[in-house]
Amino acid sequence: MKKLSFIAFALLIGTANAGTIEMKVYGLVCGFCAQGIEKTLRKNPATADVVVSLEDKLVAVATRDGADISDAELTRALTDSGYDVKGISRTQRSLEQIRAQLKQDKK
């Protein structure tokens, strides 16, 4: 039983500090929107990199090792900028994988 509890705890810790945060964001209409979101999110010291896809309404943030950004903080930053956050998920996909998928989807 202790082994199972340890595994569950390890999975929770890994999920809580995932390296990539993906968000569905509505209200993105132009390149200026994308630049504004990138600039806003890069101000956070936990942010390593940002990808914004207008077509997919996707904003993805890679966090620095050992760092995290709360859902509330991300939502506040985007809603304060005039956007509507519809969903936030933490994944293990790298931004390189996300960029490759977005590029593949355009073909």
N, C-alpha and C. Protein backbone atom coordinates (compact mmCIF):
# COMPACT_ATOMS: atom_id res chain seq x y z
N MET A 1 0.82 -1.19 0.00
CA MET A 1 0.00 0.00 0.00
C MET A 1 0.86 1.26 0.00
N LYS A 2 1.96 1.23 0.78
CA LYS A 2 2.83 2.41 0.82
C LYS A 2 3.46 2.66 -0.54
N LYS A 3 3.80 1.60 -1.24
CA LYS A 3 4.40 1.77 -2.56
C LYS A 3 3.42 2.43 -3.52
N LEU A 4 2.16 2.03 -3.47
CA LEU A 4 1.14 2.62 -4.32
C LEU A 4 0.95 4.09 -3.98
N SER A 5 0.95 4.43 -2.69
CA SER A 5 0.81 5.83 -2.27
C SER A 5 1.98 6.66 -2.77
N PHE A 6 3.18 6.12 -2.70
CA PHE A 6 4.36 6.83 -3.17
C PHE A 6 4.26 7.11 -4.67
N ILE A 7 3.80 6.11 -5.43
CA ILE A 7 3.67 6.28 -6.88
C ILE A 7 2.64 7.37 -7.19
N ALA A 8 1.51 7.33 -6.50
CA ALA A 8 0.48 8.35 -6.71
C ALA A 8 1.03 9.74 -6.37
N PHE A 9 1.77 9.85 -5.28
CA PHE A 9 2.36 11.12 -4.87
C PHE A 9 3.35 11.60 -5.93
N ALA A 10 4.17 10.71 -6.43
CA ALA A 10 5.16 11.08 -7.46
C ALA A 10 4.47 11.56 -8.72
N LEU A 11 3.35 10.93 -9.09
CA LEU A 11 2.61 11.37 -10.27
C LEU A 11 2.01 12.75 -10.05
N LEU A 12 1.49 13.01 -8.86
CA LEU A 12 0.94 14.33 -8.56
C LEU A 12 2.01 15.40 -8.63
N ILE A 13 3.16 15.13 -8.07
CA ILE A 13 4.26 16.10 -8.09
C ILE A 13 4.68 16.37 -9.53
N GLY A 14 4.81 15.33 -10.34
CA GLY A 14 5.20 15.50 -11.74
C GLY A 14 4.19 16.30 -12.52
N THR A 15 2.91 16.07 -12.24
CA THR A 15 1.87 16.81 -12.93
C THR A 15 1.84 18.26 -12.49
N ALA A 16 2.05 18.51 -11.22
CA ALA A 16 1.98 19.87 -10.69
C ALA A 16 3.10 20.74 -11.23
N ASN A 17 4.19 20.15 -11.63
CA ASN A 17 5.33 20.93 -12.09
C ASN A 17 5.71 20.53 -13.51
N ALA A 18 4.70 20.36 -14.37
CA ALA A 18 4.96 20.01 -15.76
C ALA A 18 5.71 21.14 -16.44
N GLY A 19 6.49 20.81 -17.44
CA GLY A 19 7.30 21.81 -18.11
C GLY A 19 6.55 22.69 -19.08
N THR A 20 5.37 22.26 -19.54
CA THR A 20 4.63 23.04 -20.52
C THR A 20 3.18 23.23 -20.07
N ILE A 21 2.72 24.45 -20.22
CA ILE A 21 1.34 24.78 -19.89
C ILE A 21 0.67 25.21 -21.19
N GLU A 22 -0.40 24.50 -21.56
CA GLU A 22 -1.14 24.82 -22.79
C GLU A 22 -2.48 25.42 -22.43
N MET A 23 -2.84 26.50 -23.12
CA MET A 23 -4.10 27.18 -22.83
C MET A 23 -4.88 27.43 -24.11
N LYS A 24 -6.19 27.25 -24.03
CA LYS A 24 -7.10 27.66 -25.11
C LYS A 24 -7.51 29.09 -24.78
N VAL A 25 -7.22 30.01 -25.69
CA VAL A 25 -7.47 31.43 -25.44
C VAL A 25 -8.26 32.02 -26.61
N TYR A 26 -9.38 32.62 -26.27
CA TYR A 26 -10.22 33.25 -27.29
C TYR A 26 -10.01 34.76 -27.26
N GLY A 27 -10.19 35.38 -28.43
CA GLY A 27 -10.00 36.82 -28.56
C GLY A 27 -8.73 37.17 -29.31
N LEU A 28 -7.98 36.16 -29.73
CA LEU A 28 -6.76 36.39 -30.51
C LEU A 28 -7.16 36.64 -31.96
N VAL A 29 -6.84 37.82 -32.48
CA VAL A 29 -7.27 38.13 -33.84
C VAL A 29 -6.14 38.55 -34.78
N CYS A 30 -4.97 38.88 -34.23
CA CYS A 30 -3.91 39.36 -35.12
C CYS A 30 -2.52 39.10 -34.52
N GLY A 31 -1.52 39.36 -35.31
CA GLY A 31 -0.14 39.19 -34.86
C GLY A 31 0.20 40.09 -33.69
N PHE A 32 -0.42 41.25 -33.64
CA PHE A 32 -0.19 42.16 -32.52
C PHE A 32 -0.67 41.52 -31.22
N CYS A 33 -1.80 40.80 -31.29
CA CYS A 33 -2.31 40.07 -30.11
C CYS A 33 -1.27 39.05 -29.64
N ALA A 34 -0.74 38.30 -30.59
CA ALA A 34 0.24 37.27 -30.26
C ALA A 34 1.48 37.89 -29.62
N GLN A 35 1.96 38.99 -30.17
CA GLN A 35 3.13 39.67 -29.61
C GLN A 35 2.85 40.18 -28.21
N GLY A 36 1.67 40.72 -27.99
CA GLY A 36 1.30 41.23 -26.68
C GLY A 36 1.25 40.14 -25.63
N ILE A 37 0.68 38.99 -26.00
CA ILE A 37 0.62 37.85 -25.07
C ILE A 37 2.03 37.36 -24.76
N GLU A 38 2.85 37.21 -25.79
CA GLU A 38 4.22 36.76 -25.57
C GLU A 38 4.95 37.70 -24.61
N LYS A 39 4.84 38.98 -24.86
CA LYS A 39 5.51 39.98 -24.02
C LYS A 39 5.03 39.89 -22.57
N THR A 40 3.72 39.78 -22.40
CA THR A 40 3.15 39.69 -21.05
C THR A 40 3.64 38.46 -20.32
N LEU A 41 3.61 37.30 -20.98
CA LEU A 41 3.99 36.05 -20.32
C LEU A 41 5.49 35.96 -20.09
N ARG A 42 6.29 36.55 -20.96
CA ARG A 42 7.75 36.52 -20.78
C ARG A 42 8.22 37.36 -19.59
N LYS A 43 7.37 38.26 -19.11
CA LYS A 43 7.72 39.05 -17.92
C LYS A 43 7.79 38.19 -16.67
N ASN A 44 7.10 37.06 -16.68
CA ASN A 44 7.11 36.16 -15.52
C ASN A 44 8.45 35.45 -15.45
N PRO A 45 9.14 35.51 -14.32
CA PRO A 45 10.47 34.88 -14.22
C PRO A 45 10.45 33.36 -14.38
N ALA A 46 9.29 32.72 -14.25
CA ALA A 46 9.19 31.27 -14.42
C ALA A 46 9.09 30.87 -15.89
N THR A 47 8.85 31.84 -16.78
CA THR A 47 8.68 31.55 -18.20
C THR A 47 10.01 31.37 -18.90
N ALA A 48 10.14 30.23 -19.62
CA ALA A 48 11.33 29.99 -20.42
C ALA A 48 11.07 30.35 -21.89
N ASP A 49 9.87 30.05 -22.39
CA ASP A 49 9.55 30.31 -23.79
C ASP A 49 8.03 30.31 -23.95
N VAL A 50 7.55 30.91 -25.04
CA VAL A 50 6.12 31.03 -25.31
C VAL A 50 5.84 30.76 -26.78
N VAL A 51 4.73 30.06 -27.05
CA VAL A 51 4.24 29.86 -28.42
C VAL A 51 2.80 30.32 -28.45
N VAL A 52 2.43 31.10 -29.47
CA VAL A 52 1.06 31.54 -29.64
C VAL A 52 0.62 31.19 -31.05
N SER A 53 -0.51 30.50 -31.17
CA SER A 53 -1.10 30.17 -32.47
C SER A 53 -2.48 30.80 -32.55
N LEU A 54 -2.60 31.81 -33.41
CA LEU A 54 -3.90 32.47 -33.59
C LEU A 54 -4.94 31.50 -34.15
N GLU A 55 -4.54 30.72 -35.15
CA GLU A 55 -5.46 29.80 -35.81
C GLU A 55 -6.02 28.75 -34.85
N ASP A 56 -5.18 28.27 -33.95
CA ASP A 56 -5.58 27.20 -33.04
C ASP A 56 -6.04 27.72 -31.68
N LYS A 57 -6.00 29.05 -31.51
CA LYS A 57 -6.36 29.67 -30.23
C LYS A 57 -5.56 29.05 -29.09
N LEU A 58 -4.30 28.80 -29.37
CA LEU A 58 -3.41 28.12 -28.43
C LEU A 58 -2.32 29.05 -27.93
N VAL A 59 -2.12 29.05 -26.63
CA VAL A 59 -0.98 29.72 -26.01
C VAL A 59 -0.29 28.66 -25.18
N ALA A 60 0.99 28.44 -25.44
CA ALA A 60 1.76 27.45 -24.69
C ALA A 60 2.95 28.14 -24.04
N VAL A 61 3.18 27.79 -22.79
CA VAL A 61 4.27 28.38 -22.02
C VAL A 61 5.16 27.26 -21.51
N ALA A 62 6.44 27.34 -21.79
CA ALA A 62 7.42 26.43 -21.20
C ALA A 62 7.97 27.12 -19.96
N THR A 63 7.98 26.38 -18.86
CA THR A 63 8.51 26.96 -17.63
C THR A 63 9.95 26.54 -17.41
N ARG A 64 10.64 27.35 -16.66
CA ARG A 64 12.03 27.04 -16.31
C ARG A 64 12.05 25.84 -15.36
N ASP A 65 13.17 25.11 -15.34
CA ASP A 65 13.29 23.95 -14.46
C ASP A 65 12.99 24.32 -13.02
N GLY A 66 12.11 23.54 -12.41
CA GLY A 66 11.77 23.75 -11.00
C GLY A 66 10.82 24.90 -10.75
N ALA A 67 10.36 25.57 -11.81
CA ALA A 67 9.46 26.72 -11.65
C ALA A 67 8.07 26.36 -12.15
N ASP A 68 7.09 27.11 -11.70
CA ASP A 68 5.72 26.90 -12.13
C ASP A 68 5.00 28.24 -12.11
N ILE A 69 3.91 28.32 -12.85
CA ILE A 69 3.04 29.50 -12.86
C ILE A 69 1.63 28.97 -12.58
N SER A 70 0.97 29.55 -11.61
CA SER A 70 -0.35 29.06 -11.23
C SER A 70 -1.37 29.36 -12.33
N ASP A 71 -2.41 28.53 -12.37
CA ASP A 71 -3.49 28.77 -13.33
C ASP A 71 -4.12 30.14 -13.11
N ALA A 72 -4.28 30.51 -11.84
CA ALA A 72 -4.88 31.81 -11.51
C ALA A 72 -4.03 32.96 -12.05
N GLU A 73 -2.71 32.84 -11.92
CA GLU A 73 -1.81 33.89 -12.39
C GLU A 73 -1.86 34.00 -13.92
N LEU A 74 -1.88 32.86 -14.60
CA LEU A 74 -1.97 32.86 -16.06
C LEU A 74 -3.30 33.45 -16.53
N THR A 75 -4.37 33.01 -15.90
CA THR A 75 -5.69 33.51 -16.26
C THR A 75 -5.78 35.01 -16.05
N ARG A 76 -5.28 35.48 -14.92
CA ARG A 76 -5.32 36.91 -14.62
C ARG A 76 -4.53 37.71 -15.66
N ALA A 77 -3.34 37.24 -16.01
CA ALA A 77 -2.50 37.95 -16.97
C ALA A 77 -3.20 38.07 -18.33
N LEU A 78 -3.87 37.01 -18.75
CA LEU A 78 -4.52 37.02 -20.05
C LEU A 78 -5.85 37.76 -20.03
N THR A 79 -6.63 37.59 -18.99
CA THR A 79 -7.91 38.31 -18.94
C THR A 79 -7.69 39.80 -18.73
N ASP A 80 -6.66 40.18 -17.97
CA ASP A 80 -6.34 41.59 -17.81
C ASP A 80 -5.92 42.23 -19.14
N SER A 81 -5.43 41.39 -20.06
CA SER A 81 -5.04 41.88 -21.38
C SER A 81 -6.19 41.82 -22.38
N GLY A 82 -7.38 41.36 -21.92
CA GLY A 82 -8.55 41.37 -22.78
C GLY A 82 -8.89 40.04 -23.46
N TYR A 83 -8.27 38.96 -23.04
CA TYR A 83 -8.51 37.66 -23.66
C TYR A 83 -9.33 36.78 -22.73
N ASP A 84 -9.94 35.73 -23.31
CA ASP A 84 -10.79 34.82 -22.58
C ASP A 84 -10.13 33.44 -22.54
N VAL A 85 -9.73 33.00 -21.37
CA VAL A 85 -9.08 31.70 -21.20
C VAL A 85 -10.16 30.64 -21.03
N LYS A 86 -10.20 29.67 -21.95
CA LYS A 86 -11.22 28.62 -21.92
C LYS A 86 -10.73 27.33 -21.31
N GLY A 87 -9.43 27.15 -21.21
CA GLY A 87 -8.91 25.91 -20.63
C GLY A 87 -7.41 25.98 -20.45
N ILE A 88 -6.94 25.32 -19.38
CA ILE A 88 -5.51 25.25 -19.10
C ILE A 88 -5.17 23.80 -18.80
N SER A 89 -4.12 23.30 -19.46
CA SER A 89 -3.66 21.94 -19.16
C SER A 89 -2.14 21.95 -19.09
N ARG A 90 -1.64 21.09 -18.26
CA ARG A 90 -0.20 20.93 -18.10
C ARG A 90 0.20 19.64 -18.77
N THR A 91 1.18 19.75 -19.66
CA THR A 91 1.57 18.59 -20.47
C THR A 91 3.08 18.38 -20.40
N GLN A 92 3.48 17.26 -20.94
CA GLN A 92 4.90 16.97 -21.05
C GLN A 92 5.42 17.26 -22.46
N ARG A 93 4.53 17.76 -23.35
CA ARG A 93 4.98 18.11 -24.70
C ARG A 93 5.90 19.32 -24.63
N SER A 94 6.98 19.25 -25.37
CA SER A 94 7.88 20.40 -25.44
C SER A 94 7.32 21.42 -26.41
N LEU A 95 7.82 22.65 -26.33
CA LEU A 95 7.38 23.67 -27.29
C LEU A 95 7.82 23.30 -28.69
N GLU A 96 8.94 22.60 -28.83
CA GLU A 96 9.38 22.15 -30.15
C GLU A 96 8.36 21.18 -30.75
N GLN A 97 7.83 20.28 -29.91
CA GLN A 97 6.81 19.34 -30.39
C GLN A 97 5.53 20.10 -30.78
N ILE A 98 5.16 21.08 -29.98
CA ILE A 98 3.97 21.87 -30.28
C ILE A 98 4.17 22.64 -31.58
N ARG A 99 5.33 23.27 -31.75
CA ARG A 99 5.61 24.01 -32.99
C ARG A 99 5.55 23.07 -34.21
N ALA A 100 6.12 21.88 -34.07
CA ALA A 100 6.11 20.91 -35.17
C ALA A 100 4.68 20.49 -35.50
N GLN A 101 3.86 20.26 -34.48
CA GLN A 101 2.46 19.89 -34.70
C GLN A 101 1.70 21.01 -35.39
N LEU A 102 1.92 22.25 -34.95
CA LEU A 102 1.24 23.39 -35.57
C LEU A 102 1.65 23.53 -37.04
N LYS A 103 2.93 23.32 -37.30
CA LYS A 103 3.43 23.40 -38.68
C LYS A 103 2.82 22.29 -39.53
N GLN A 104 2.72 21.08 -38.98
CA GLN A 104 2.14 19.95 -39.69
C GLN A 104 0.65 20.20 -39.97
N ASP A 105 -0.05 20.79 -39.02
CA ASP A 105 -1.48 21.06 -39.19
C ASP A 105 -1.76 22.06 -40.30
N LYS A 106 -0.78 22.93 -40.59
CA LYS A 106 -0.96 23.95 -41.64
C LYS A 106 -0.85 23.36 -43.04
N LYS A 107 -0.25 22.19 -43.15
CA LYS A 107 -0.05 21.58 -44.48
C LYS A 107 -1.34 21.06 -45.04
